C-alpha atoms as a PDB file:
ATOM      1  CA  MET A   1     -64.941 110.493 -91.730  1.00  0.00           C
ATOM      2  CA  LYS A   2     -66.437 107.108 -92.524  1.00  0.00           C
ATOM      3  CA  LYS A   3     -68.694 108.648 -95.166  1.00  0.00           C
ATOM      4  CA  ILE A   4     -65.788 110.377 -96.887  1.00  0.00           C
ATOM      5  CA  LEU A   5     -63.709 107.179 -97.031  1.00  0.00           C
ATOM      6  CA  SER A   6     -66.661 105.177 -98.352  1.00  0.00           C
ATOM      7  CA  LEU A   7     -67.318 107.815-101.062  1.00  0.00           C
ATOM      8  CA  ILE A   8     -63.662 107.758-102.137  1.00  0.00           C
ATOM      9  CA  ALA A   9     -63.672 103.961-102.298  1.00  0.00           C
ATOM     10  CA  PHE A  10     -66.933 103.949-104.296  1.00  0.00           C
ATOM     11  CA  ALA A  11     -65.573 106.532-106.747  1.00  0.00           C
ATOM     12  CA  GLY A  12     -62.404 104.462-107.184  1.00  0.00           C
ATOM     13  CA  VAL A  13     -64.417 101.353-107.988  1.00  0.00           C
ATOM     14  CA  LEU A  14     -66.528 103.204-110.550  1.00  0.00           C
ATOM     15  CA  THR A  15     -63.512 104.694-112.332  1.00  0.00           C
ATOM     16  CA  ALA A  16     -61.678 101.357-112.354  1.00  0.00           C
ATOM     17  CA  CYS A  17     -64.629  99.635-113.997  1.00  0.00           C
ATOM     18  CA  ASN A  18     -64.986 102.303-116.698  1.00  0.00           C
ATOM     19  CA  ASN A  19     -62.345 101.110-119.183  1.00  0.00           C
ATOM     20  CA  PRO A  20     -62.669 102.626-122.667  1.00  0.00           C
ATOM     21  CA  ARG A  21     -62.574 100.075-125.539  1.00  0.00           C
ATOM     22  CA  PRO A  22     -59.455 100.216-127.711  1.00  0.00           C
ATOM     23  CA  ASP A  23     -60.048 100.940-131.383  1.00  0.00           C
ATOM     24  CA  ALA A  24     -59.757  98.244-134.037  1.00  0.00           C
ATOM     25  CA  ALA A  25     -56.555  99.601-135.636  1.00  0.00           C
ATOM     26  CA  LYS A  26     -54.690  99.287-132.355  1.00  0.00           C
ATOM     27  CA  ILE A  27     -55.869  95.684-131.898  1.00  0.00           C
ATOM     28  CA  GLU A  28     -54.719  94.712-135.411  1.00  0.00           C
ATOM     29  CA  SER A  29     -51.212  96.137-134.900  1.00  0.00           C
ATOM     30  CA  GLU A  30     -50.839  94.217-131.612  1.00  0.00           C
ATOM     31  CA  GLN A  31     -51.934  90.966-133.296  1.00  0.00           C
ATOM     32  CA  GLN A  32     -49.404  91.419-136.100  1.00  0.00           C
ATOM     33  CA  THR A  33     -46.510  91.873-133.686  1.00  0.00           C
ATOM     34  CA  VAL A  34     -47.579  88.766-131.788  1.00  0.00           C
ATOM     35  CA  VAL A  35     -47.646  86.738-135.013  1.00  0.00           C
ATOM     36  CA  LEU A  36     -44.141  87.897-135.957  1.00  0.00           C
ATOM     37  CA  ASP A  37     -42.762  87.051-132.485  1.00  0.00           C
ATOM     38  CA  THR A  38     -44.417  83.624-132.541  1.00  0.00           C
ATOM     39  CA  ALA A  39     -42.820  82.735-135.887  1.00  0.00           C
ATOM     40  CA  GLY A  40     -39.365  83.550-134.548  1.00  0.00           C
ATOM     41  CA  LEU A  41     -40.054  81.591-131.389  1.00  0.00           C
ATOM     42  CA  ALA A  42     -41.184  78.543-133.353  1.00  0.00           C
ATOM     43  CA  GLN A  43     -37.962  78.555-135.370  1.00  0.00           C
ATOM     44  CA  PHE A  44     -35.891  78.838-132.201  1.00  0.00           C
ATOM     45  CA  GLN A  45     -37.789  76.005-130.534  1.00  0.00           C
ATOM     46  CA  ALA A  46     -37.251  73.759-133.576  1.00  0.00           C
ATOM     47  CA  TRP A  47     -33.519  74.545-133.568  1.00  0.00           C
ATOM     48  CA  LYS A  48     -33.295  73.911-129.828  1.00  0.00           C
ATOM     49  CA  ALA A  49     -35.109  70.566-130.072  1.00  0.00           C
ATOM     50  CA  GLN A  50     -32.785  69.441-132.872  1.00  0.00           C
ATOM     51  CA  ASN A  51     -29.676  70.332-130.868  1.00  0.00           C
ATOM     52  CA  GLU A  52     -31.001  68.627-127.733  1.00  0.00           C
ATOM     53  CA  MET A  53     -31.701  65.438-129.663  1.00  0.00           C
ATOM     54  CA  ALA A  54     -28.154  65.454-131.065  1.00  0.00           C
ATOM     55  CA  LEU A  55     -26.726  65.995-127.572  1.00  0.00           C
ATOM     56  CA  MET A  56     -28.841  63.193-126.107  1.00  0.00           C
ATOM     57  CA  GLN A  57     -27.671  60.842-128.885  1.00  0.00           C
ATOM     58  CA  GLN A  58     -24.016  61.661-128.106  1.00  0.00           C
ATOM     59  CA  GLN A  59     -24.543  61.011-124.385  1.00  0.00           C
ATOM     60  CA  TYR A  60     -26.286  57.724-125.143  1.00  0.00           C
ATOM     61  CA  ASP A  61     -23.411  56.636-127.403  1.00  0.00           C
ATOM     62  CA  GLN A  62     -20.858  57.522-124.715  1.00  0.00           C
ATOM     63  CA  GLN A  63     -22.806  55.560-122.106  1.00  0.00           C
ATOM     64  CA  GLN A  64     -22.979  52.530-124.368  1.00  0.00           C
ATOM     65  CA  ASN A  65     -19.236  52.842-124.984  1.00  0.00           C
ATOM     66  CA  ASN A  66     -18.541  52.979-121.236  1.00  0.00           C
ATOM     67  CA  ASN A  67     -20.819  49.992-120.578  1.00  0.00           C
ATOM     68  CA  ASN A  68     -18.947  47.932-123.164  1.00  0.00           C
ATOM     69  CA  GLN A  69     -15.599  48.834-121.586  1.00  0.00           C
ATOM     70  CA  VAL A  70     -16.814  48.007-118.077  1.00  0.00           C
ATOM     71  CA  ALA A  71     -18.215  44.671-119.208  1.00  0.00           C
ATOM     72  CA  THR A  72     -14.845  43.597-120.640  1.00  0.00           C
ATOM     73  CA  ALA A  73     -12.797  44.747-117.629  1.00  0.00           C
ATOM     74  CA  PRO A  74     -12.322  42.223-114.813  1.00  0.00           C
ATOM     75  CA  VAL A  75     -14.322  42.926-111.665  1.00  0.00           C
ATOM     76  CA  ARG A  76     -12.346  43.113-108.428  1.00  0.00           C
ATOM     77  CA  GLN A  77     -13.832  43.746-105.021  1.00  0.00           C
ATOM     78  CA  ALA A  78     -11.846  44.570-101.925  1.00  0.00           C
ATOM     79  CA  ALA A  79     -13.025  43.492 -98.496  1.00  0.00           C
ATOM     80  CA  PRO A  80     -13.322  46.346 -95.982  1.00  0.00           C
ATOM     81  CA  VAL A  81     -10.716  46.365 -93.221  1.00  0.00           C
ATOM     82  CA  ARG A  82     -11.952  47.425 -89.775  1.00  0.00           C
ATOM     83  CA  ARG A  83      -9.690  47.784 -86.782  1.00  0.00           C
ATOM     84  CA  THR A  84     -10.507  48.784 -83.272  1.00  0.00           C
ATOM     85  CA  SER A  85      -8.078  50.668 -81.116  1.00  0.00           C
ATOM     86  CA  SER A  86      -7.648  47.672 -78.813  1.00  0.00           C
ATOM     87  CA  SER A  87      -6.779  45.261 -81.638  1.00  0.00           C
ATOM     88  CA  ALA A  88      -4.275  47.746 -83.085  1.00  0.00           C
ATOM     89  CA  ALA A  89      -2.599  48.086 -79.677  1.00  0.00           C
ATOM     90  CA  ARG A  90      -2.368  44.297 -79.256  1.00  0.00           C
ATOM     91  CA  SER A  91      -0.914  43.735 -82.710  1.00  0.00           C
ATOM     92  CA  THR A  92       1.888  46.244 -82.180  1.00  0.00           C
ATOM     93  CA  GLY A  93       3.350  44.554 -79.105  1.00  0.00           C
ATOM     94  CA  SER A  94       6.648  43.529 -80.740  1.00  0.00           C
ATOM     95  CA  SER A  95       6.633  45.791 -83.799  1.00  0.00           C
ATOM     96  CA  THR A  96       7.674  49.403 -84.053  1.00  0.00           C
ATOM     97  CA  ALA A  97       5.337  52.112 -82.799  1.00  0.00           C
ATOM     98  CA  GLY A  98       5.569  54.158 -86.036  1.00  0.00           C
ATOM     99  CA  THR A  99       3.360  51.812 -88.071  1.00  0.00           C
ATOM    100  CA  SER A 100       0.537  51.779 -85.520  1.00  0.00           C
ATOM    101  CA  GLN A 101       0.566  55.584 -85.216  1.00  0.00           C
ATOM    102  CA  ALA A 102      -0.157  55.951 -88.938  1.00  0.00           C
ATOM    103  CA  ALA A 103      -3.169  53.607 -88.729  1.00  0.00           C
ATOM    104  CA  GLN A 104      -4.817  55.344 -85.775  1.00  0.00           C
ATOM    105  CA  LYS A 105      -6.788  58.548 -86.264  1.00  0.00           C
ATOM    106  CA  LYS A 106      -5.728  61.569 -84.275  1.00  0.00           C
ATOM    107  CA  GLY A 107      -7.960  63.895 -82.318  1.00  0.00           C
ATOM    108  CA  TRP A 108     -11.140  63.467 -80.342  1.00  0.00           C
ATOM    109  CA  SER A 109     -13.581  60.799 -81.348  1.00  0.00           C
ATOM    110  CA  LYS A 110     -17.170  61.776 -82.042  1.00  0.00           C
ATOM    111  CA  ALA A 111     -18.215  59.760 -79.007  1.00  0.00           C
ATOM    112  CA  ALA A 112     -16.007  61.885 -76.728  1.00  0.00           C
ATOM    113  CA  LYS A 113     -17.214  65.132 -78.312  1.00  0.00           C
ATOM    114  CA  GLY A 114     -20.820  63.998 -77.966  1.00  0.00           C
ATOM    115  CA  ALA A 115     -20.335  63.099 -74.312  1.00  0.00           C
ATOM    116  CA  VAL A 116     -18.853  66.509 -73.485  1.00  0.00           C
ATOM    117  CA  ILE A 117     -21.461  68.473 -75.415  1.00  0.00           C
ATOM    118  CA  GLY A 118     -24.287  66.361 -74.005  1.00  0.00           C
ATOM    119  CA  GLY A 119     -22.949  66.700 -70.462  1.00  0.00           C
ATOM    120  CA  VAL A 120     -22.749  70.476 -70.651  1.00  0.00           C
ATOM    121  CA  ALA A 121     -26.155  70.837 -72.284  1.00  0.00           C
ATOM    122  CA  GLY A 122     -27.753  68.345 -69.915  1.00  0.00           C
ATOM    123  CA  GLY A 123     -26.221  70.025 -66.871  1.00  0.00           C
ATOM    124  CA  ALA A 124     -27.529  73.407 -67.908  1.00  0.00           C
ATOM    125  CA  ALA A 125     -30.963  72.024 -68.698  1.00  0.00           C
ATOM    126  CA  GLY A 126     -31.104  70.107 -65.413  1.00  0.00           C
ATOM    127  CA  ALA A 127     -30.203  73.194 -63.411  1.00  0.00           C
ATOM    128  CA  VAL A 128     -32.906  75.210 -65.145  1.00  0.00           C
ATOM    129  CA  ILE A 129     -35.549  72.504 -64.748  1.00  0.00           C
ATOM    130  CA  ASN A 130     -34.919  71.732 -61.046  1.00  0.00           C
ATOM    131  CA  LYS A 131     -35.410  75.141 -59.457  1.00  0.00           C
ATOM    132  CA  LYS A 132     -35.447  73.945 -55.840  1.00  0.00           C
ATOM    133  CA  ASN A 133     -32.028  72.282 -55.912  1.00  0.00           C
ATOM    134  CA  ARG A 134     -30.068  73.415 -58.960  1.00  0.00           C
ATOM    135  CA  ALA A 135     -26.890  71.485 -58.098  1.00  0.00           C
ATOM    136  CA  VAL A 136     -28.634  68.115 -58.030  1.00  0.00           C
ATOM    137  CA  GLY A 137     -30.542  68.983 -61.209  1.00  0.00           C
ATOM    138  CA  GLY A 138     -27.312  69.955 -62.935  1.00  0.00           C
ATOM    139  CA  VAL A 139     -25.544  66.750 -61.940  1.00  0.00           C
ATOM    140  CA  VAL A 140     -28.418  64.489 -62.951  1.00  0.00           C
ATOM    141  CA  GLY A 141     -28.936  66.351 -66.228  1.00  0.00           C
ATOM    142  CA  GLY A 142     -25.208  66.280 -66.960  1.00  0.00           C
ATOM    143  CA  VAL A 143     -24.974  62.516 -66.450  1.00  0.00           C
ATOM    144  CA  ILE A 144     -28.013  61.830 -68.611  1.00  0.00           C
ATOM    145  CA  GLY A 145     -26.864  64.286 -71.302  1.00  0.00           C
ATOM    146  CA  ALA A 146     -23.362  62.813 -71.379  1.00  0.00           C
ATOM    147  CA  GLY A 147     -24.775  59.311 -71.800  1.00  0.00           C
ATOM    148  CA  VAL A 148     -27.049  60.324 -74.641  1.00  0.00           C
ATOM    149  CA  GLY A 149     -24.295  62.358 -76.338  1.00  0.00           C
ATOM    150  CA  TYR A 150     -21.866  59.445 -76.061  1.00  0.00           C
ATOM    151  CA  GLY A 151     -24.383  57.079 -77.624  1.00  0.00           C
ATOM    152  CA  ILE A 152     -25.004  59.383 -80.563  1.00  0.00           C
ATOM    153  CA  GLY A 153     -21.272  60.018 -81.081  1.00  0.00           C
ATOM    154  CA  ARG A 154     -20.474  56.305 -80.840  1.00  0.00           C
ATOM    155  CA  ALA A 155     -23.014  55.552 -83.565  1.00  0.00           C
ATOM    156  CA  LYS A 156     -21.388  58.193 -85.806  1.00  0.00           C
ATOM    157  CA  ASP A 157     -17.932  56.733 -85.104  1.00  0.00           C
ATOM    158  CA  LYS A 158     -19.125  53.262 -86.075  1.00  0.00           C
ATOM    159  CA  LYS A 159     -20.616  54.643 -89.267  1.00  0.00           C
ATOM    160  CA  ASP A 160     -17.324  56.364 -90.134  1.00  0.00           C
ATOM    161  CA  GLY A 161     -15.337  53.211 -89.349  1.00  0.00           C
ATOM    162  CA  ARG A 162     -13.427  54.521 -86.346  1.00  0.00           C
ATOM    163  CA  TYR A 163     -14.501  51.641 -84.091  1.00  0.00           C
END
């Protein structure tokens, strides 16, 4: 079986290496078609380059126009306003409750979501890790996971401006 496979492979190599040479007339016709295609491609490339240059000039002119308009317009910067939930609650002591409700965001904060997700994941991981006493492992893992999740969520809340 090995001899038959090696003979077939050897015969395949010999036939693959035996390429007949194409005749000269065939080579000349292929070269002529390549020359004709190249001429058309060169014209297209010249047209494309000309259009791209015109487009780039228009964009440059628009940018210069915008820069001139921005330079003449007065610059005004607004200071960011940050409120915490405790300061909003203190400031609404004598005012109506409707204005403070509009300022506060509704729903769970990212810190609360992170604490819950971290607690569940940590509890499951702790129970799997501590095989002798799964309850203690789950509690310890849950506490650690909740703390880490809260910290990550709190950082996201600060970045978003919630706290």
